PDB file of N, CA and C in Angstrom:
ATOM      1  N   MET A   1       0.871  -1.209  -0.048  1.00  0.00           N
ATOM      2  CA  MET A   1       0.012   0.064  -0.010  1.00  0.00           C
ATOM      3  C   MET A   1       0.835   1.179   0.004  1.00  0.00           C
ATOM      4  N   ASN A   2       2.119   1.148   0.701  1.00  0.00           N
ATOM      5  CA  ASN A   2       2.960   2.302   0.750  1.00  0.00           C
ATOM      6  C   ASN A   2       3.417   2.798  -0.673  1.00  0.00           C
ATOM      7  N   GLU A   3       3.651   1.706  -1.482  1.00  0.00           N
ATOM      8  CA  GLU A   3       4.061   1.994  -2.821  1.00  0.00           C
ATOM      9  C   GLU A   3       3.036   2.850  -3.613  1.00  0.00           C
ATOM     10  N   LEU A   4       1.815   2.400  -3.469  1.00  0.00           N
ATOM     11  CA  LEU A   4       0.617   3.137  -4.101  1.00  0.00           C
ATOM     12  C   LEU A   4       0.589   4.623  -3.608  1.00  0.00           C
ATOM     13  N   THR A   5       0.800   4.817  -2.337  1.00  0.00           N
ATOM     14  CA  THR A   5       0.833   6.126  -1.754  1.00  0.00           C
ATOM     15  C   THR A   5       1.856   6.855  -2.337  1.00  0.00           C
ATOM     16  N   ASN A   6       3.074   6.329  -2.492  1.00  0.00           N
ATOM     17  CA  ASN A   6       4.183   7.074  -2.964  1.00  0.00           C
ATOM     18  C   ASN A   6       4.030   7.522  -4.541  1.00  0.00           C
ATOM     19  N   SER A   7       3.275   6.632  -5.290  1.00  0.00           N
ATOM     20  CA  SER A   7       2.997   6.858  -6.617  1.00  0.00           C
ATOM     21  C   SER A   7       2.252   8.128  -6.848  1.00  0.00           C
ATOM     22  N   TYR A   8       1.183   8.238  -5.872  1.00  0.00           N
ATOM     23  CA  TYR A   8       0.238   9.402  -5.954  1.00  0.00           C
ATOM     24  C   TYR A   8       0.896  10.742  -5.483  1.00  0.00           C
ATOM     25  N   LYS A   9       2.024  10.650  -4.719  1.00  0.00           N
ATOM     26  CA  LYS A   9       2.579  11.853  -4.407  1.00  0.00           C
ATOM     27  C   LYS A   9       3.171  12.752  -5.443  1.00  0.00           C
ATOM     28  N   ILE A  10       3.427  12.200  -6.611  1.00  0.00           N
ATOM     29  CA  ILE A  10       3.979  12.868  -7.686  1.00  0.00           C
ATOM     30  C   ILE A  10       2.767  13.878  -8.208  1.00  0.00           C
ATOM     31  N   PHE A  11       1.633  13.523  -8.039  1.00  0.00           N
ATOM     32  CA  PHE A  11       0.443  14.364  -8.470  1.00  0.00           C
ATOM     33  C   PHE A  11       0.309  15.490  -7.546  1.00  0.00           C
ATOM     34  N   GLU A  12       0.769  15.394  -6.258  1.00  0.00           N
ATOM     35  CA  GLU A  12       0.642  16.387  -5.218  1.00  0.00           C
ATOM     36  C   GLU A  12       1.679  17.455  -5.442  1.00  0.00           C
ATOM     37  N   LYS A  13       2.805  16.981  -5.929  1.00  0.00           N
ATOM     38  CA  LYS A  13       4.045  17.952  -5.879  1.00  0.00           C
ATOM     39  C   LYS A  13       4.445  18.442  -7.202  1.00  0.00           C
ATOM     40  N   ASP A  14       4.159  17.798  -8.368  1.00  0.00           N
ATOM     41  CA  ASP A  14       4.688  18.293  -9.544  1.00  0.00           C
ATOM     42  C   ASP A  14       3.573  18.691 -10.575  1.00  0.00           C
ATOM     43  N   SER A  15       3.346  20.041 -10.651  1.00  0.00           N
ATOM     44  CA  SER A  15       2.305  20.487 -11.507  1.00  0.00           C
ATOM     45  C   SER A  15       2.677  20.242 -12.913  1.00  0.00           C
ATOM     46  N   LEU A  16       3.940  20.272 -13.362  1.00  0.00           N
ATOM     47  CA  LEU A  16       4.334  20.066 -14.856  1.00  0.00           C
ATOM     48  C   LEU A  16       3.917  18.704 -15.179  1.00  0.00           C
ATOM     49  N   ILE A  17       4.301  17.721 -14.448  1.00  0.00           N
ATOM     50  CA  ILE A  17       3.920  16.189 -15.005  1.00  0.00           C
ATOM     51  C   ILE A  17       2.423  16.045 -15.004  1.00  0.00           C
ATOM     52  N   LEU A  18       1.684  16.555 -14.029  1.00  0.00           N
ATOM     53  CA  LEU A  18       0.275  16.523 -13.973  1.00  0.00           C
ATOM     54  C   LEU A  18      -0.304  17.169 -15.302  1.00  0.00           C
ATOM     55  N   ALA A  19       0.212  18.384 -15.519  1.00  0.00           N
ATOM     56  CA  ALA A  19      -0.241  19.162 -16.618  1.00  0.00           C
ATOM     57  C   ALA A  19       0.069  18.434 -18.033  1.00  0.00           C
ATOM     58  N   ILE A  20       1.229  17.860 -18.172  1.00  0.00           N
ATOM     59  CA  ILE A  20       1.535  17.011 -19.394  1.00  0.00           C
ATOM     60  C   ILE A  20       0.670  15.817 -19.506  1.00  0.00           C
ATOM     61  N   ILE A  21       0.486  15.023 -18.515  1.00  0.00           N
ATOM     62  CA  ILE A  21      -0.456  13.853 -18.481  1.00  0.00           C
ATOM     63  C   ILE A  21      -1.956  14.461 -19.009  1.00  0.00           C
ATOM     64  N   TYR A  22      -2.331  15.445 -18.373  1.00  0.00           N
ATOM     65  CA  TYR A  22      -3.695  16.038 -18.700  1.00  0.00           C
ATOM     66  C   TYR A  22      -3.733  16.504 -20.110  1.00  0.00           C
ATOM     67  N   THR A  23      -2.682  17.080 -20.624  1.00  0.00           N
ATOM     68  CA  THR A  23      -2.735  17.576 -22.011  1.00  0.00           C
ATOM     69  C   THR A  23      -2.610  16.467 -23.077  1.00  0.00           C
ATOM     70  N   LEU A  24      -1.819  15.454 -22.785  1.00  0.00           N
ATOM     71  CA  LEU A  24      -1.883  14.283 -23.668  1.00  0.00           C
ATOM     72  C   LEU A  24      -3.187  13.588 -23.827  1.00  0.00           C
ATOM     73  N   GLY A  25      -3.865  13.406 -22.590  1.00  0.00           N
ATOM     74  CA  GLY A  25      -5.177  12.867 -22.615  1.00  0.00           C
ATOM     75  C   GLY A  25      -6.204  13.791 -23.368  1.00  0.00           C
ATOM     76  N   HIS A  26      -6.073  15.056 -23.294  1.00  0.00           N
ATOM     77  CA  HIS A  26      -6.959  16.004 -23.877  1.00  0.00           C
ATOM     78  C   HIS A  26      -6.750  15.922 -25.402  1.00  0.00           C
ATOM     79  N   ILE A  27      -5.527  15.865 -25.803  1.00  0.00           N
ATOM     80  CA  ILE A  27      -5.269  15.830 -27.201  1.00  0.00           C
ATOM     81  C   ILE A  27      -5.950  14.551 -27.812  1.00  0.00           C
ATOM     82  N   LEU A  28      -5.716  13.331 -27.192  1.00  0.00           N
ATOM     83  CA  LEU A  28      -6.303  12.219 -27.721  1.00  0.00           C
ATOM     84  C   LEU A  28      -7.878  12.261 -27.763  1.00  0.00           C
ATOM     85  N   ILE A  29      -8.509  12.785 -26.645  1.00  0.00           N
ATOM     86  CA  ILE A  29      -9.845  12.823 -26.629  1.00  0.00           C
ATOM     87  C   ILE A  29     -10.559  13.858 -27.708  1.00  0.00           C
ATOM     88  N   ALA A  30      -9.687  15.043 -27.802  1.00  0.00           N
ATOM     89  CA  ALA A  30     -10.185  16.005 -28.840  1.00  0.00           C
ATOM     90  C   ALA A  30      -9.992  15.447 -30.287  1.00  0.00           C
ATOM     91  N   ALA A  31      -8.921  14.844 -30.458  1.00  0.00           N
ATOM     92  CA  ALA A  31      -8.708  14.157 -31.920  1.00  0.00           C
ATOM     93  C   ALA A  31      -9.892  13.146 -32.183  1.00  0.00           C
ATOM     94  N   SER A  32     -10.165  12.359 -31.198  1.00  0.00           N
ATOM     95  CA  SER A  32     -11.245  11.368 -31.473  1.00  0.00           C
ATOM     96  C   SER A  32     -12.595  12.102 -31.636  1.00  0.00           C
ATOM     97  N   VAL A  33     -12.947  13.096 -30.950  1.00  0.00           N
ATOM     98  CA  VAL A  33     -14.229  13.791 -31.110  1.00  0.00           C
ATOM     99  C   VAL A  33     -14.124  14.430 -32.522  1.00  0.00           C
ATOM    100  N   VAL A  34     -13.143  15.150 -32.910  1.00  0.00           N
ATOM    101  CA  VAL A  34     -13.130  15.778 -34.239  1.00  0.00           C
ATOM    102  C   VAL A  34     -13.120  14.759 -35.337  1.00  0.00           C
ATOM    103  N   LYS A  35     -12.483  13.662 -35.174  1.00  0.00           N
ATOM    104  CA  LYS A  35     -12.527  12.638 -36.257  1.00  0.00           C
ATOM    105  C   LYS A  35     -13.951  12.082 -36.317  1.00  0.00           C
ATOM    106  N   LEU A  36     -14.584  11.905 -35.252  1.00  0.00           N
ATOM    107  CA  LEU A  36     -15.955  11.232 -35.371  1.00  0.00           C
ATOM    108  C   LEU A  36     -17.050  12.252 -35.783  1.00  0.00           C
ATOM    109  N   MET A  37     -16.893  13.447 -35.348  1.00  0.00           N
ATOM    110  CA  MET A  37     -17.847  14.503 -35.700  1.00  0.00           C
ATOM    111  C   MET A  37     -17.719  14.987 -37.244  1.00  0.00           C
ATOM    112  N   THR A  38     -16.532  15.013 -37.781  1.00  0.00           N
ATOM    113  CA  THR A  38     -16.252  15.549 -39.054  1.00  0.00           C
ATOM    114  C   THR A  38     -15.886  14.514 -40.185  1.00  0.00           C
ATOM    115  N   ASP A  39     -15.707  13.283 -39.684  1.00  0.00           N
ATOM    116  CA  ASP A  39     -15.277  12.247 -40.605  1.00  0.00           C
ATOM    117  C   ASP A  39     -13.966  12.530 -41.248  1.00  0.00           C
ATOM    118  N   SER A  40     -13.105  13.300 -40.564  1.00  0.00           N
ATOM    119  CA  SER A  40     -11.764  13.801 -41.137  1.00  0.00           C
ATOM    120  C   SER A  40     -10.655  12.667 -40.913  1.00  0.00           C
ATOM    121  N   SER A  41      -9.507  12.702 -41.540  1.00  0.00           N
ATOM    122  CA  SER A  41      -8.551  11.752 -41.259  1.00  0.00           C
ATOM    123  C   SER A  41      -8.018  11.852 -39.892  1.00  0.00           C
ATOM    124  N   PHE A  42      -7.264  10.902 -39.506  1.00  0.00           N
ATOM    125  CA  PHE A  42      -6.663  11.018 -38.186  1.00  0.00           C
ATOM    126  C   PHE A  42      -5.668  12.104 -38.113  1.00  0.00           C
ATOM    127  N   TRP A  43      -4.890  12.306 -39.197  1.00  0.00           N
ATOM    128  CA  TRP A  43      -3.930  13.514 -39.141  1.00  0.00           C
ATOM    129  C   TRP A  43      -4.596  14.860 -39.130  1.00  0.00           C
ATOM    130  N   GLU A  44      -5.709  14.976 -39.806  1.00  0.00           N
ATOM    131  CA  GLU A  44      -6.384  16.325 -39.757  1.00  0.00           C
ATOM    132  C   GLU A  44      -7.018  16.536 -38.407  1.00  0.00           C
ATOM    133  N   ALA A  45      -7.733  15.534 -37.906  1.00  0.00           N
ATOM    134  CA  ALA A  45      -8.211  15.707 -36.561  1.00  0.00           C
ATOM    135  C   ALA A  45      -7.145  15.896 -35.520  1.00  0.00           C
ATOM    136  N   GLY A  46      -6.023  15.235 -35.646  1.00  0.00           N
ATOM    137  CA  GLY A  46      -4.994  15.453 -34.717  1.00  0.00           C
ATOM    138  C   GLY A  46      -4.348  16.901 -34.799  1.00  0.00           C
ATOM    139  N   LEU A  47      -4.292  17.484 -35.978  1.00  0.00           N
ATOM    140  CA  LEU A  47      -3.766  18.774 -36.054  1.00  0.00           C
ATOM    141  C   LEU A  47      -4.759  19.763 -35.537  1.00  0.00           C
ATOM    142  N   VAL A  48      -5.918  19.638 -35.839  1.00  0.00           N
ATOM    143  CA  VAL A  48      -6.980  20.566 -35.136  1.00  0.00           C
ATOM    144  C   VAL A  48      -7.025  20.386 -33.563  1.00  0.00           C
ATOM    145  N   ALA A  49      -6.961  19.128 -33.222  1.00  0.00           N
ATOM    146  CA  ALA A  49      -7.051  18.841 -31.694  1.00  0.00           C
ATOM    147  C   ALA A  49      -5.702  19.041 -31.059  1.00  0.00           C
ATOM    148  N   LEU A  50      -4.737  19.398 -31.643  1.00  0.00           N
ATOM    149  CA  LEU A  50      -3.438  19.754 -30.884  1.00  0.00           C
ATOM    150  C   LEU A  50      -3.398  21.110 -30.394  1.00  0.00           C
ATOM    151  N   ILE A  51      -3.882  22.094 -31.018  1.00  0.00           N
ATOM    152  CA  ILE A  51      -3.634  23.618 -30.604  1.00  0.00           C
ATOM    153  C   ILE A  51      -4.371  23.871 -29.352  1.00  0.00           C
ATOM    154  N   GLU A  52      -5.724  23.522 -29.324  1.00  0.00           N
ATOM    155  CA  GLU A  52      -6.495  23.952 -28.060  1.00  0.00           C
ATOM    156  C   GLU A  52      -6.096  23.228 -26.889  1.00  0.00           C
ATOM    157  N   PRO A  53      -5.851  21.856 -26.913  1.00  0.00           N
ATOM    158  CA  PRO A  53      -5.401  21.280 -25.608  1.00  0.00           C
ATOM    159  C   PRO A  53      -4.086  21.737 -25.139  1.00  0.00           C
ATOM    160  N   CYS A  54      -3.214  22.081 -25.992  1.00  0.00           N
ATOM    161  CA  CYS A  54      -1.776  22.595 -25.535  1.00  0.00           C
ATOM    162  C   CYS A  54      -2.108  23.849 -24.734  1.00  0.00           C
ATOM    163  N   ILE A  55      -2.932  24.761 -25.350  1.00  0.00           N
ATOM    164  CA  ILE A  55      -3.283  26.005 -24.558  1.00  0.00           C
ATOM    165  C   ILE A  55      -4.031  25.707 -23.267  1.00  0.00           C
ATOM    166  N   ASN A  56      -4.905  24.805 -23.174  1.00  0.00           N
ATOM    167  CA  ASN A  56      -5.461  24.302 -21.924  1.00  0.00           C
ATOM    168  C   ASN A  56      -4.432  23.748 -21.046  1.00  0.00           C
ATOM    169  N   GLY A  57      -3.471  23.093 -21.470  1.00  0.00           N
ATOM    170  CA  GLY A  57      -2.436  22.465 -20.641  1.00  0.00           C
ATOM    171  C   GLY A  57      -1.645  23.605 -19.949  1.00  0.00           C
ATOM    172  N   VAL A  58      -1.318  24.658 -20.694  1.00  0.00           N
ATOM    173  CA  VAL A  58      -0.604  25.713 -20.068  1.00  0.00           C
ATOM    174  C   VAL A  58      -1.555  26.374 -18.961  1.00  0.00           C
ATOM    175  N   TRP A  59      -2.701  26.618 -19.335  1.00  0.00           N
ATOM    176  CA  TRP A  59      -3.675  27.197 -18.403  1.00  0.00           C
ATOM    177  C   TRP A  59      -3.859  26.260 -17.243  1.00  0.00           C
ATOM    178  N   PHE A  60      -3.877  24.950 -17.348  1.00  0.00           N
ATOM    179  CA  PHE A  60      -4.038  23.997 -16.205  1.00  0.00           C
ATOM    180  C   PHE A  60      -2.709  24.195 -15.331  1.00  0.00           C
ATOM    181  N   TYR A  61      -1.592  24.209 -15.986  1.00  0.00           N
ATOM    182  CA  TYR A  61      -0.300  24.250 -15.109  1.00  0.00           C
ATOM    183  C   TYR A  61      -0.297  25.474 -14.304  1.00  0.00           C
ATOM    184  N   THR A  62      -0.745  26.619 -14.999  1.00  0.00           N
ATOM    185  CA  THR A  62      -0.751  27.919 -14.255  1.00  0.00           C
ATOM    186  C   THR A  62      -1.796  27.953 -13.052  1.00  0.00           C
ATOM    187  N   LEU A  63      -2.912  27.306 -13.386  1.00  0.00           N
ATOM    188  CA  LEU A  63      -3.955  27.187 -12.401  1.00  0.00           C
ATOM    189  C   LEU A  63      -3.588  26.471 -11.200  1.00  0.00           C
ATOM    190  N   HIS A  64      -2.840  25.215 -11.386  1.00  0.00           N
ATOM    191  CA  HIS A  64      -2.482  24.329 -10.374  1.00  0.00           C
ATOM    192  C   HIS A  64      -1.297  24.937  -9.565  1.00  0.00           C
ATOM    193  N   ARG A  65      -0.397  25.694 -10.252  1.00  0.00           N
ATOM    194  CA  ARG A  65       0.675  26.388  -9.451  1.00  0.00           C
ATOM    195  C   ARG A  65       0.017  27.462  -8.469  1.00  0.00           C
ATOM    196  N   LEU A  66      -0.965  28.225  -9.015  1.00  0.00           N
ATOM    197  CA  LEU A  66      -1.636  29.198  -8.192  1.00  0.00           C
ATOM    198  C   LEU A  66      -2.430  28.539  -7.130  1.00  0.00           C
ATOM    199  N   TRP A  67      -2.997  27.419  -7.412  1.00  0.00           N
ATOM    200  CA  TRP A  67      -3.806  26.666  -6.359  1.00  0.00           C
ATOM    201  C   TRP A  67      -2.836  26.295  -5.195  1.00  0.00           C
ATOM    202  N   LYS A  68      -1.762  25.731  -5.644  1.00  0.00           N
ATOM    203  CA  LYS A  68      -0.792  25.244  -4.520  1.00  0.00           C
ATOM    204  C   LYS A  68      -0.153  26.399  -3.822  1.00  0.00           C
ATOM    205  N   ALA A  69       0.039  27.462  -4.512  1.00  0.00           N
ATOM    206  CA  ALA A  69       0.633  28.608  -3.719  1.00  0.00           C
ATOM    207  C   ALA A  69      -0.448  29.212  -2.680  1.00  0.00           C
ATOM    208  N   LYS A  70      -1.560  29.291  -3.181  1.00  0.00           N
ATOM    209  CA  LYS A  70      -2.644  29.858  -2.316  1.00  0.00           C
ATOM    210  C   LYS A  70      -3.007  28.908  -1.146  1.00  0.00           C
ATOM    211  N   GLY A  71      -2.644  27.607  -1.321  1.00  0.00           N
ATOM    212  CA  GLY A  71      -2.976  26.645  -0.208  1.00  0.00           C
ATOM    213  C   GLY A  71      -1.907  26.618   0.878  1.00  0.00           C
ATOM    214  N   LYS A  72      -0.691  27.244   0.559  1.00  0.00           N
ATOM    215  CA  LYS A  72       0.358  27.190   1.542  1.00  0.00           C
ATOM    216  C   LYS A  72       0.203  28.155   2.588  1.00  0.00           C
TER     217      LYS A  72
END
């Protein structure tokens, strides 16, 4: 159980890793939605889905850093 607890500590301390994981998941989800809704190719959907999640990832990183700073 201690190993599991230690694994989750990375999410408490490292905003950058959490933001990267969030952004990668967001890109995959956005690409899937664009592909399904527009019947575009995977590459077209991926290109469209890449820009917005990256901006959201920066926003999430900033928000998480501010949240942690306010909590201290």
